[in-house]
Protein backbone atom coordinates (compact mmCIF):
# COMPACT_ATOMS: atom_id res chain seq x y z
CA MET A 1 0.00 0.00 0.00
CA TRP A 2 1.05 3.60 -0.55
CA TRP A 3 1.21 4.23 3.19
CA ASN A 4 3.81 1.53 3.70
CA GLU A 5 5.68 2.81 0.70
CA LEU A 6 5.74 6.27 2.26
CA LYS A 7 7.04 4.85 5.53
CA HIS A 8 9.52 2.36 4.21
CA GLY A 9 9.81 2.80 0.46
CA ALA A 10 13.29 3.20 -0.83
CA ALA A 11 11.76 4.17 -4.16
CA ILE A 12 10.22 7.34 -2.73
CA ALA A 13 12.43 10.14 -1.40
CA LEU A 14 10.16 11.36 1.41
CA LEU A 15 11.19 14.22 3.64
CA ILE A 16 9.14 14.39 6.85
CA ALA A 17 9.20 17.38 9.14
CA ALA A 18 6.73 16.03 11.69
CA ALA A 19 8.50 16.76 14.93
CA ASN A 20 7.98 20.51 14.79
CA LEU A 21 4.51 20.60 13.22
CA THR A 22 2.47 20.45 16.42
CA ALA A 23 4.46 23.15 18.21
CA VAL A 24 4.47 25.52 15.25
CA SER A 25 0.78 25.07 14.44
CA ARG A 26 -0.32 26.09 17.94
CA LEU A 27 0.20 29.66 16.74
CA TYR A 28 -2.89 29.46 14.57
CA ALA A 29 -6.33 29.96 16.06
CA ALA A 30 -9.24 27.64 15.29
CA GLU A 31 -11.11 30.45 13.57
CA ALA A 32 -8.36 30.71 10.97
CA ALA A 33 -9.57 27.60 9.19
CA ALA A 34 -12.84 29.30 8.29
CA ASP A 35 -11.04 32.27 6.73
CA VAL A 36 -8.78 30.27 4.43
CA PRO A 37 -9.68 30.88 0.77
CA ALA A 38 -10.45 27.79 -1.29
CA LEU A 39 -7.93 26.56 -3.82
CA THR A 40 -8.66 27.63 -7.36
CA ALA A 41 -8.84 24.96 -10.04
CA GLU A 42 -5.47 26.11 -11.36
CA GLU A 43 -3.85 26.03 -7.92
CA ARG A 44 -5.26 22.60 -7.19
CA GLU A 45 -4.02 21.24 -10.52
CA ALA A 46 -0.54 22.70 -10.00
CA VAL A 47 -0.20 21.33 -6.45
CA GLN A 48 -1.47 17.92 -7.49
CA ALA A 49 0.95 17.78 -10.42
CA LYS A 50 3.88 18.66 -8.19
CA LEU A 51 2.80 16.18 -5.52
CA SER A 52 2.45 13.39 -8.07
CA ALA A 53 5.82 14.19 -9.61
CA THR A 54 7.59 14.14 -6.24
CA PHE A 55 5.71 11.25 -4.61
CA ALA A 56 4.59 9.11 -7.52
CA ASN A 57 2.77 6.42 -5.50
CA PHE A 58 0.97 8.76 -3.13
CA GLN A 59 -2.81 8.37 -3.33
CA PHE A 60 -5.32 10.61 -1.63
CA ASP A 61 -9.03 11.43 -1.50
CA LYS A 62 -9.17 15.18 -1.23
CA MET A 63 -7.03 18.31 -1.12
CA GLU A 64 -7.89 21.56 0.70
CA PRO A 65 -6.00 24.65 1.90
CA SER A 66 -4.79 24.62 5.50
CA PRO A 67 -4.72 27.49 8.01
CA VAL A 68 -0.98 27.81 7.37
CA PRO A 69 -0.12 29.85 4.25
CA GLY A 70 1.61 27.76 1.60
CA VAL A 71 0.55 24.43 3.15
CA VAL A 72 -2.35 22.28 1.92
CA GLU A 73 -4.29 19.50 3.62
CA ILE A 74 -4.17 16.10 1.95
CA TYR A 75 -6.92 13.67 3.01
CA ALA A 76 -5.68 10.10 2.70
CA GLY A 77 -6.73 6.88 4.40
CA GLY A 78 -8.77 8.59 7.11
CA ARG A 79 -6.04 11.03 8.10
CA ILE A 80 -4.69 14.41 7.06
CA ILE A 81 -1.15 14.88 5.83
CA TYR A 82 0.12 18.38 5.19
CA TYR A 83 2.04 19.29 2.05
CA ALA A 84 4.20 22.32 1.37
CA PRO A 85 4.51 22.29 -2.45
CA LYS A 86 7.13 25.04 -2.63
CA GLN A 87 9.49 23.08 -0.39
CA GLU A 88 8.19 19.70 -1.62
CA ILE A 89 7.75 18.51 1.96
CA LEU A 90 5.09 16.26 3.49
CA LEU A 91 4.32 17.03 7.13
CA MET A 92 2.75 14.41 9.40
CA GLY A 93 1.22 15.52 12.67
CA GLU A 94 -1.63 17.60 14.08
CA MET A 95 -2.38 21.29 14.02
CA TYR A 96 -3.65 22.74 17.29
CA SER A 97 -5.28 26.08 17.96
CA ALA A 98 -3.99 28.36 20.70
CA ASN A 99 -6.69 27.01 23.04
CA GLY A 100 -5.60 23.39 22.53
CA VAL A 101 -8.23 22.29 20.00
CA SER A 102 -7.00 19.88 17.34
CA LEU A 103 -7.79 21.53 14.01
CA THR A 104 -6.70 18.32 12.31
CA GLN A 105 -9.25 16.15 14.11
CA GLN A 106 -11.96 18.72 13.46
CA ARG A 107 -11.25 18.60 9.74
CA VAL A 108 -10.99 14.81 9.62
CA ALA A 109 -14.33 14.51 11.42
CA ALA A 110 -15.96 17.00 9.06
CA PHE A 111 -14.67 15.07 6.04
CA ALA A 112 -16.05 11.81 7.44
CA GLY A 113 -19.38 13.52 8.06
CA GLU A 114 -19.51 14.65 4.43
CA ARG A 115 -19.33 11.00 3.41
CA ALA A 116 -22.18 9.87 5.66
CA GLU A 117 -24.71 9.83 2.84
CA SER A 118 -22.50 7.52 0.78
CA VAL A 119 -22.33 4.84 3.50
CA ASP A 120 -23.58 1.49 2.19
CA ARG A 121 -26.32 0.73 4.68
CA SER A 122 -27.08 -2.64 3.10
CA VAL A 123 -23.97 -4.27 4.62
CA ALA A 124 -24.52 -3.13 8.21
CA LEU A 125 -25.73 -5.25 11.10
CA VAL A 126 -29.02 -3.47 11.76
CA LEU A 127 -30.85 -3.28 15.07
CA GLY A 128 -34.15 -1.49 15.43
CA ASN A 129 -36.27 0.48 13.02
CA GLY A 130 -36.65 3.85 14.69
CA PRO A 131 -36.56 7.26 12.97
CA LYS A 132 -33.13 8.25 14.33
CA GLU A 133 -30.18 6.68 12.53
CA VAL A 134 -27.01 5.82 14.43
CA ILE A 135 -24.07 4.64 12.32
CA GLU A 136 -21.42 3.01 14.50
CA PHE A 137 -18.01 1.55 13.69
CA VAL A 138 -16.72 -0.80 16.37
CA ASP A 139 -13.95 -3.24 17.23
CA PRO A 140 -15.01 -6.23 19.37
CA ASP A 141 -11.71 -6.09 21.28
CA CYS A 142 -12.11 -2.39 22.10
CA GLY A 143 -12.97 -1.72 25.75
CA HIS A 144 -14.75 1.54 24.92
CA CYS A 145 -16.80 -0.32 22.30
CA ARG A 146 -17.88 -2.81 24.95
CA ALA A 147 -18.90 0.06 27.22
CA ALA A 148 -20.86 1.64 24.37
CA HIS A 149 -22.63 -1.64 23.61
CA LYS A 150 -23.59 -1.98 27.28
CA TRP A 151 -24.95 1.58 27.25
CA PHE A 152 -27.11 0.98 24.18
CA SER A 153 -28.32 -2.34 25.61
CA THR A 154 -29.29 -0.67 28.87
CA GLU A 155 -30.94 2.31 27.22
CA LYS A 156 -33.03 0.08 24.91
CA ARG A 157 -34.01 3.03 22.76
CA ALA A 158 -36.75 2.03 20.39
CA ASP A 159 -36.49 5.34 18.54
CA ILE A 160 -33.21 4.53 16.78
CA ARG A 161 -32.09 2.45 13.85
CA HIS A 162 -28.63 1.22 14.81
CA LEU A 163 -26.30 0.39 11.93
CA ILE A 164 -23.19 -1.43 13.15
CA TYR A 165 -20.00 -1.89 11.12
CA PHE A 166 -17.02 -3.90 12.33
CA MET A 167 -13.48 -2.73 11.77
CA PRO A 168 -11.00 -5.05 9.99
CA LEU A 169 -10.22 -8.09 12.16
CA LYS A 170 -7.35 -9.62 10.20
CA GLY A 171 -5.18 -11.83 12.39
CA ARG A 172 -7.66 -11.94 15.29
CA ALA A 173 -9.39 -15.28 14.95
CA GLN A 174 -11.42 -15.09 18.16
CA ALA A 175 -12.75 -11.62 17.41
CA GLU A 176 -13.61 -12.62 13.87
CA ALA A 177 -15.39 -15.77 15.11
CA ARG A 178 -17.54 -13.78 17.53
CA VAL A 179 -18.46 -11.25 14.85
CA LEU A 180 -19.27 -13.91 12.26
CA GLU A 181 -21.59 -15.63 14.73
CA ALA A 182 -23.59 -12.40 14.93
CA LEU A 183 -23.48 -11.65 11.19
CA CYS A 184 -24.53 -15.20 10.31
CA ALA A 185 -27.40 -15.27 12.81
CA ARG A 186 -30.99 -14.78 11.71
CA GLN A 187 -32.09 -11.14 11.82
CA GLU A 188 -34.31 -11.76 14.85
CA ASP A 189 -31.40 -13.40 16.71
CA ARG A 190 -28.72 -10.84 15.92
CA GLU A 191 -29.26 -8.62 18.94
CA ALA A 192 -28.73 -11.58 21.28
CA ALA A 193 -25.74 -12.78 19.26
CA LEU A 194 -24.24 -9.31 19.42
CA SER A 195 -23.87 -9.57 23.19
CA LYS A 196 -21.34 -12.37 22.62
CA VAL A 197 -19.33 -10.21 20.24
CA PHE A 198 -18.27 -7.94 23.09
CA ASN A 199 -17.59 -10.77 25.55
CA PRO A 200 -14.01 -12.00 25.01
CA THR A 201 -14.02 -13.98 28.26
CA ALA A 202 -15.61 -17.06 26.67
CA PRO A 203 -13.29 -18.30 23.88
CA ILE A 204 -14.95 -19.91 20.88
CA ASP A 205 -13.91 -23.35 19.69
CA LEU A 206 -12.56 -22.27 16.31
CA THR A 207 -13.03 -25.77 14.88
CA LYS A 208 -16.77 -25.30 15.35
CA ALA A 209 -16.99 -21.57 14.65
CA VAL A 210 -19.73 -20.28 12.37
CA ARG A 211 -18.38 -19.11 9.01
CA CYS A 212 -21.22 -18.46 6.58
CA ARG A 213 -20.53 -16.93 3.18
CA GLU A 214 -22.90 -14.05 3.81
CA GLY A 215 -21.13 -13.16 7.06
CA LEU A 216 -17.69 -13.24 5.47
CA ASP A 217 -18.88 -11.03 2.62
CA LEU A 218 -20.50 -8.57 5.04
CA LEU A 219 -17.37 -8.36 7.17
CA ALA A 220 -15.21 -7.63 4.12
CA ALA A 221 -17.68 -5.03 2.87
CA GLN A 222 -17.83 -3.33 6.27
CA ALA A 223 -14.05 -3.00 6.33
CA LYS A 224 -14.21 -1.21 2.97
CA VAL A 225 -16.89 1.16 4.26
CA ALA A 226 -14.73 2.03 7.29
CA GLN A 227 -11.78 2.74 5.01
CA ALA A 228 -13.84 4.87 2.63
CA ILE A 229 -15.26 6.95 5.47
CA GLY A 230 -11.86 7.38 7.06
CA VAL A 231 -12.64 5.91 10.47
CA TYR A 232 -9.75 6.84 12.73
CA ALA A 233 -10.93 5.61 16.16
CA THR A 234 -13.36 3.20 17.78
CA PRO A 235 -16.13 3.45 18.58
CA PHE A 236 -16.87 5.94 15.84
CA TYR A 237 -20.35 7.42 15.34
CA ILE A 238 -22.14 9.32 12.61
CA ILE A 239 -25.42 10.79 13.86
CA ASP A 240 -27.26 13.38 11.76
CA GLY A 241 -24.12 13.79 9.67
CA LYS A 242 -22.01 14.67 12.71
CA VAL A 243 -19.02 12.54 13.62
CA THR A 244 -18.12 11.60 17.18
CA ALA A 245 -15.03 9.52 17.92
CA GLY A 246 -14.91 7.60 21.18
CA PHE A 247 -17.62 6.73 23.68
CA ASN A 248 -19.17 9.33 25.93
CA ALA A 249 -22.63 8.47 27.27
CA GLN A 250 -23.58 12.09 27.87
CA THR A 251 -22.58 13.13 24.36
CA LEU A 252 -24.55 10.28 22.80
CA ALA A 253 -27.60 11.04 24.92
CA GLU A 254 -27.45 14.70 23.86
CA GLN A 255 -27.10 13.80 20.18
CA LEU A 256 -30.02 11.38 20.32
CA GLY A 257 -32.21 13.76 22.28
CA GLU A 258 -35.17 12.91 24.46
CA ARG A 259 -37.05 9.69 23.96
CA PRO A 260 -40.55 10.16 22.56
CA ALA A 261 -43.36 9.28 24.95
CA THR A 262 -44.43 6.36 22.75
CA VAL A 263 -42.33 4.78 20.05
CA SER A 264 -43.37 1.86 17.85
CA GLN A 265 -41.39 -1.28 18.49
CA ALA A 266 -41.92 -2.45 14.91
CA GLY A 267 -38.83 -3.97 13.35
CA ARG A 268 -37.03 -4.67 16.60
């Protein structure tokens, strides 16, 4: 992959000035990002041509101006890399405002939110049929994901439609086995099977593990969705187009709002 080539590739002469990026970027306030003029078509074409000529195997999704004059933001693989075309330097790190806010994470979250509409809902593990959609990316071995699952299970909100996507599980046979058991279960049994996904204390006999074709295909498709969105943490939520990384019960409750007095249980 291009990322490994950037890290290790002898074929690409990559100059990284990451160590000083965070300290220098603290000089720029958060409001600066809103005042940065957009790149013109000519500017974008010129920067892209120079980037491609210098780093031939570098692939990215989007390019935008950064708060720092002469530096652009390159969106690639769920992260932002900064590029100074005049100096032909790629900068890896985060930009912080003077009040300690990560401008980088703000921009990454906004980019992921822009892609919410393109999420393939057909490959999710779906719970509920309420009017409020919660898109969640989880890792079964993630402690915060387990806490989030417990919170949703306790809340039992009938007003949400919960779309769950699992992050890539390559090399983790037990995690994959637990997830496949849930993905291969009948729709009406998936909620119960999901409780086992976040319970690593009971190892599965891998010789008897469930491995249906549909489940394997769904798991592979979900990994592609996570990559396309640019998921950079777990759990990772998209609610009303807004991205939230990590689990915070109060934040989730605020985003979901008050429960209606009566909500149909249809589809649960």
